[in-house]
Amino acid sequence: MNRITLNGIIIRDKELGEKDKVIKIFTAEKGIISAIVRRGQSVKSGNGSIAQLLAYCRFSLFEGKGGFIVNEIEIKELFWGVRENLESLALAQYFCELCFSWVPDEETSPELLRLFLNTLYYLSYKKKSRTLLKAVFELRGCVLCGYMPDLLCCNKCRKFDSKGMIFFVRSGNLNCKDCVSIQKNSYGKVLSSGVLSALRHVVYSDADKIFSFSISEESEKQLGSICEEYINEHIGVNFKSLDFYKSLIQFSKLDTI
């Protein structure tokens, strides 16, 4: 067996038999891989206590014909702030599901891994609102995985900016109000200047500047709605973790009434 060392984050774990555990690790070098943690279900096992969802670690692995077996795990970040809040944890689990839908077997996406880790950092340390982080991860993740919208200018007259620009979720194109009638297509979303700027920032900014913007709470809501609708249109997967996250948000609103 070959021994390799990789940095990665656990995005899924489940029991294997009565004692072991199998984990899915999102790595930069090998994409998403499966690895067996011997005695991973035991709290007395050093590796078992560490091998948990959202643990970002340095993994020492044995690689054989049958796959990977965990030898040692060194913790790098556990994102405790995410674990301490149920809504944040549910949102992070949704991000994990999105990574599975975006990254095919045996394919790598180091840019997506970086986005995921940075989003978890902002979520854990409450640097940005959950609504904003969800929207950024959804849209930028789509961009990295081949579903990039065209937000540079009107798709017809090439006008860069106009009051009431319209974004079409299905085509991913932008039109000014002079070139299209909103009544003719129910998928058209009239954008405020703030939301349009935010969308362009998320799509076109450098990786280290993705989160460097702020908008009003109302604009955040519109941005979040558009990004979720965009991902539903182009990914077309029903995410149970998203349904759970939404139920928590709804319950939280009812609890404050």
Protein backbone atom coordinates (compact mmCIF):
# COMPACT_ATOMS: atom_id res chain seq x y z
CA MET A 1 0.00 0.00 0.00
CA ASN A 2 1.14 3.53 -0.78
CA ARG A 3 1.05 6.19 1.91
CA ILE A 4 -0.03 9.71 0.97
CA THR A 5 -0.77 12.91 2.89
CA LEU A 6 -3.56 15.29 1.90
CA ASN A 7 -5.33 18.32 3.32
CA GLY A 8 -9.10 18.15 3.06
CA ILE A 9 -12.45 18.72 4.69
CA ILE A 10 -14.94 16.00 5.62
CA ILE A 11 -18.22 16.63 3.82
CA ARG A 12 -19.98 13.36 4.68
CA ASP A 13 -19.58 10.58 7.24
CA LYS A 14 -21.55 7.43 7.96
CA GLU A 15 -21.24 4.20 9.89
CA LEU A 16 -19.63 1.19 8.27
CA GLY A 17 -20.53 -2.03 10.02
CA GLU A 18 -20.47 -2.00 13.81
CA LYS A 19 -17.14 -0.31 14.47
CA ASP A 20 -15.81 1.53 11.44
CA LYS A 21 -16.77 4.71 9.67
CA VAL A 22 -16.48 5.84 6.04
CA ILE A 23 -15.85 9.50 5.33
CA LYS A 24 -15.94 11.62 2.19
CA ILE A 25 -13.06 14.10 2.03
CA PHE A 26 -12.99 17.08 -0.32
CA THR A 27 -9.34 17.61 -1.30
CA ALA A 28 -7.60 19.94 -3.71
CA GLU A 29 -5.39 17.24 -5.23
CA LYS A 30 -7.85 14.37 -5.70
CA GLY A 31 -11.29 15.95 -5.51
CA ILE A 32 -13.78 14.07 -3.32
CA ILE A 33 -12.45 10.75 -2.04
CA SER A 34 -13.79 8.03 0.27
CA ALA A 35 -11.71 6.73 3.17
CA ILE A 36 -12.33 4.15 5.90
CA VAL A 37 -11.69 5.11 9.52
CA ARG A 38 -10.99 1.95 11.53
CA ARG A 39 -12.89 1.97 14.86
CA GLY A 40 -14.26 5.33 13.77
CA GLN A 41 -17.48 4.84 15.74
CA SER A 42 -15.63 4.60 19.05
CA VAL A 43 -15.24 7.76 21.12
CA LYS A 44 -12.05 6.25 22.49
CA SER A 45 -10.51 6.17 19.03
CA GLY A 46 -8.35 9.20 18.34
CA ASN A 47 -9.14 9.22 14.64
CA GLY A 48 -12.81 8.47 15.28
CA SER A 49 -13.29 11.49 17.55
CA ILE A 50 -11.69 13.78 14.96
CA ALA A 51 -13.28 12.31 11.82
CA GLN A 52 -16.48 14.34 11.87
CA LEU A 53 -18.42 16.49 9.44
CA LEU A 54 -16.76 19.83 8.54
CA ALA A 55 -13.42 18.93 10.10
CA TYR A 56 -10.63 20.38 7.98
CA CYS A 57 -7.59 18.22 8.57
CA ARG A 58 -4.31 16.88 7.34
CA PHE A 59 -4.92 13.22 6.52
CA SER A 60 -2.29 10.50 6.40
CA LEU A 61 -3.81 7.76 4.22
CA PHE A 62 -2.92 4.31 3.00
CA GLU A 63 -3.91 3.93 -0.65
CA GLY A 64 -4.56 0.45 -1.97
CA LYS A 65 -6.55 -1.22 -4.74
CA GLY A 66 -9.67 -1.11 -2.59
CA GLY A 67 -9.41 2.61 -1.79
CA PHE A 68 -8.13 4.69 1.11
CA ILE A 69 -7.70 3.84 4.80
CA VAL A 70 -7.05 6.57 7.35
CA ASN A 71 -3.79 6.23 9.23
CA GLU A 72 -3.55 9.53 11.13
CA ILE A 73 -5.52 12.78 11.27
CA GLU A 74 -4.18 16.18 12.29
CA ILE A 75 -6.80 18.89 12.94
CA LYS A 76 -6.38 22.20 11.14
CA GLU A 77 -9.83 23.80 11.68
CA LEU A 78 -13.12 22.54 13.13
CA PHE A 79 -15.29 25.64 12.49
CA TRP A 80 -16.80 25.61 15.97
CA GLY A 81 -18.90 28.67 15.27
CA VAL A 82 -20.82 26.70 12.65
CA ARG A 83 -21.43 23.77 15.00
CA GLU A 84 -22.75 25.99 17.78
CA ASN A 85 -25.69 27.27 15.73
CA LEU A 86 -28.25 24.87 14.22
CA GLU A 87 -29.16 27.16 11.34
CA SER A 88 -25.49 27.65 10.42
CA LEU A 89 -24.87 23.91 10.64
CA ALA A 90 -27.85 23.19 8.37
CA LEU A 91 -26.58 25.75 5.86
CA ALA A 92 -23.10 24.19 5.94
CA GLN A 93 -24.62 20.77 5.27
CA TYR A 94 -26.37 22.28 2.24
CA PHE A 95 -22.99 23.53 1.03
CA CYS A 96 -21.65 19.99 1.40
CA GLU A 97 -24.48 18.65 -0.76
CA LEU A 98 -23.78 21.29 -3.38
CA CYS A 99 -20.13 20.21 -3.52
CA PHE A 100 -21.26 16.64 -4.21
CA SER A 101 -23.51 17.80 -7.04
CA TRP A 102 -20.79 20.01 -8.56
CA VAL A 103 -17.71 17.76 -8.34
CA PRO A 104 -17.89 14.52 -10.37
CA ASP A 105 -15.92 11.45 -9.29
CA GLU A 106 -12.18 11.67 -9.93
CA GLU A 107 -12.30 15.38 -10.81
CA THR A 108 -10.57 18.15 -8.89
CA SER A 109 -11.79 21.66 -8.14
CA PRO A 110 -9.32 23.48 -5.88
CA GLU A 111 -11.07 26.81 -6.53
CA LEU A 112 -14.36 25.40 -5.24
CA LEU A 113 -12.63 23.94 -2.19
CA ARG A 114 -11.12 27.35 -1.46
CA LEU A 115 -14.54 28.99 -1.82
CA PHE A 116 -16.08 26.39 0.50
CA LEU A 117 -13.45 26.85 3.21
CA ASN A 118 -13.64 30.65 3.02
CA THR A 119 -17.44 30.58 3.21
CA LEU A 120 -17.28 28.34 6.28
CA TYR A 121 -14.80 30.74 7.86
CA TYR A 122 -17.14 33.71 7.38
CA LEU A 123 -20.06 31.62 8.59
CA SER A 124 -18.21 30.36 11.66
CA TYR A 125 -16.92 33.77 12.73
CA LYS A 126 -20.16 35.59 11.78
CA LYS A 127 -18.35 37.91 9.38
CA LYS A 128 -21.32 38.05 6.99
CA SER A 129 -25.01 37.17 7.18
CA ARG A 130 -26.15 33.65 6.32
CA THR A 131 -28.36 35.05 3.55
CA LEU A 132 -25.39 36.72 1.87
CA LEU A 133 -23.03 33.76 2.31
CA LYS A 134 -25.60 31.35 0.88
CA ALA A 135 -26.10 33.53 -2.20
CA VAL A 136 -22.36 33.98 -2.79
CA PHE A 137 -21.61 30.27 -2.45
CA GLU A 138 -24.47 29.27 -4.75
CA LEU A 139 -23.65 31.70 -7.54
CA ARG A 140 -19.85 31.59 -7.42
CA GLY A 141 -20.01 27.79 -7.14
CA CYS A 142 -22.10 27.71 -10.32
CA VAL A 143 -19.53 29.91 -12.04
CA LEU A 144 -16.66 27.60 -11.05
CA CYS A 145 -18.54 24.53 -12.24
CA GLY A 146 -19.51 25.73 -15.69
CA TYR A 147 -22.83 27.53 -15.13
CA MET A 148 -21.65 31.12 -15.51
CA PRO A 149 -24.30 33.76 -16.28
CA ASP A 150 -23.57 36.67 -18.65
CA LEU A 151 -23.97 39.83 -16.60
CA LEU A 152 -21.62 42.17 -18.45
CA CYS A 153 -24.29 44.08 -20.38
CA CYS A 154 -27.63 43.85 -22.19
CA ASN A 155 -27.58 40.74 -24.34
CA LYS A 156 -29.16 42.68 -27.24
CA CYS A 157 -28.08 46.32 -27.33
CA ARG A 158 -24.91 45.84 -25.19
CA LYS A 159 -25.86 48.64 -22.81
CA PHE A 160 -23.86 48.23 -19.58
CA ASP A 161 -26.23 49.91 -17.18
CA SER A 162 -29.80 51.06 -17.27
CA LYS A 163 -32.44 51.57 -14.63
CA GLY A 164 -34.35 48.33 -14.14
CA MET A 165 -32.03 45.85 -15.87
CA ILE A 166 -33.68 42.42 -16.20
CA PHE A 167 -31.99 39.09 -15.47
CA PHE A 168 -33.34 35.92 -17.05
CA VAL A 169 -32.66 32.94 -14.83
CA ARG A 170 -33.16 30.27 -17.46
CA SER A 171 -30.80 31.71 -20.10
CA GLY A 172 -28.47 33.43 -17.65
CA ASN A 173 -28.63 36.60 -19.74
CA LEU A 174 -29.17 40.24 -18.90
CA ASN A 175 -31.40 42.64 -20.86
CA CYS A 176 -32.31 46.28 -20.46
CA LYS A 177 -35.99 47.20 -20.26
CA ASP A 178 -35.88 48.79 -23.72
CA CYS A 179 -34.99 45.47 -25.34
CA VAL A 180 -37.45 43.12 -23.66
CA SER A 181 -40.86 43.15 -22.00
CA ILE A 182 -40.93 41.59 -18.54
CA GLN A 183 -44.51 40.44 -19.14
CA LYS A 184 -43.36 38.13 -21.93
CA ASN A 185 -41.18 35.97 -19.70
CA SER A 186 -42.01 35.03 -16.12
CA TYR A 187 -38.36 34.16 -15.49
CA GLY A 188 -37.25 37.77 -15.83
CA LYS A 189 -36.15 39.49 -12.62
CA VAL A 190 -36.01 43.28 -12.48
CA LEU A 191 -32.82 44.18 -10.65
CA SER A 192 -32.05 47.16 -8.48
CA SER A 193 -28.65 48.75 -9.14
CA GLY A 194 -27.38 47.36 -5.82
CA VAL A 195 -28.36 43.78 -6.62
CA LEU A 196 -26.94 44.00 -10.14
CA SER A 197 -23.62 45.27 -8.76
CA ALA A 198 -23.58 42.46 -6.19
CA LEU A 199 -24.27 39.81 -8.84
CA ARG A 200 -21.49 41.15 -11.04
CA HIS A 201 -19.11 41.26 -8.09
CA VAL A 202 -19.75 37.62 -7.15
CA VAL A 203 -19.37 36.43 -10.75
CA TYR A 204 -16.39 38.47 -11.92
CA SER A 205 -14.29 39.47 -8.87
CA ASP A 206 -10.98 37.85 -7.93
CA ALA A 207 -11.18 34.93 -5.52
CA ASP A 208 -9.72 36.91 -2.62
CA LYS A 209 -12.30 39.70 -3.03
CA ILE A 210 -15.53 37.70 -3.39
CA PHE A 211 -16.84 38.63 0.06
CA SER A 212 -15.64 42.23 -0.04
CA PHE A 213 -18.97 43.96 -0.52
CA SER A 214 -22.08 44.84 1.43
CA ILE A 215 -25.68 45.61 0.45
CA SER A 216 -28.89 46.47 2.25
CA GLU A 217 -30.96 43.78 3.96
CA GLU A 218 -33.67 44.09 1.31
CA SER A 219 -31.11 43.71 -1.49
CA GLU A 220 -29.67 40.68 0.31
CA LYS A 221 -33.09 39.03 0.19
CA GLN A 222 -33.46 39.67 -3.55
CA LEU A 223 -29.91 38.49 -4.21
CA GLY A 224 -30.59 35.32 -2.20
CA SER A 225 -33.83 34.60 -4.03
CA ILE A 226 -32.22 35.05 -7.45
CA CYS A 227 -29.19 32.87 -6.67
CA GLU A 228 -31.34 30.06 -5.26
CA GLU A 229 -33.63 30.15 -8.28
CA TYR A 230 -30.62 30.17 -10.59
CA ILE A 231 -29.12 27.09 -8.98
CA ASN A 232 -32.46 25.27 -9.02
CA GLU A 233 -32.83 26.01 -12.73
CA HIS A 234 -29.33 24.89 -13.71
CA ILE A 235 -28.62 22.10 -11.21
CA GLY A 236 -32.14 20.76 -10.83
CA VAL A 237 -31.56 18.78 -7.63
CA ASN A 238 -33.80 18.71 -4.58
CA PHE A 239 -31.54 19.24 -1.58
CA LYS A 240 -32.99 17.91 1.68
CA SER A 241 -30.51 19.98 3.68
CA LEU A 242 -31.85 23.15 2.02
CA ASP A 243 -35.41 22.19 2.92
CA PHE A 244 -34.30 21.65 6.52
CA TYR A 245 -32.46 24.98 6.59
CA LYS A 246 -35.56 26.77 5.31
CA SER A 247 -37.75 25.07 7.92
CA LEU A 248 -35.42 26.34 10.65
CA ILE A 249 -35.56 29.87 9.27
CA GLN A 250 -39.36 29.72 9.12
CA PHE A 251 -39.56 28.39 12.67
CA SER A 252 -37.24 31.15 13.86
CA LYS A 253 -39.52 33.78 12.31
CA LEU A 254 -42.61 32.28 13.96
CA ASP A 255 -40.81 32.15 17.30
CA THR A 256 -40.21 35.91 17.20
CA ILE A 257 -43.85 36.81 16.55
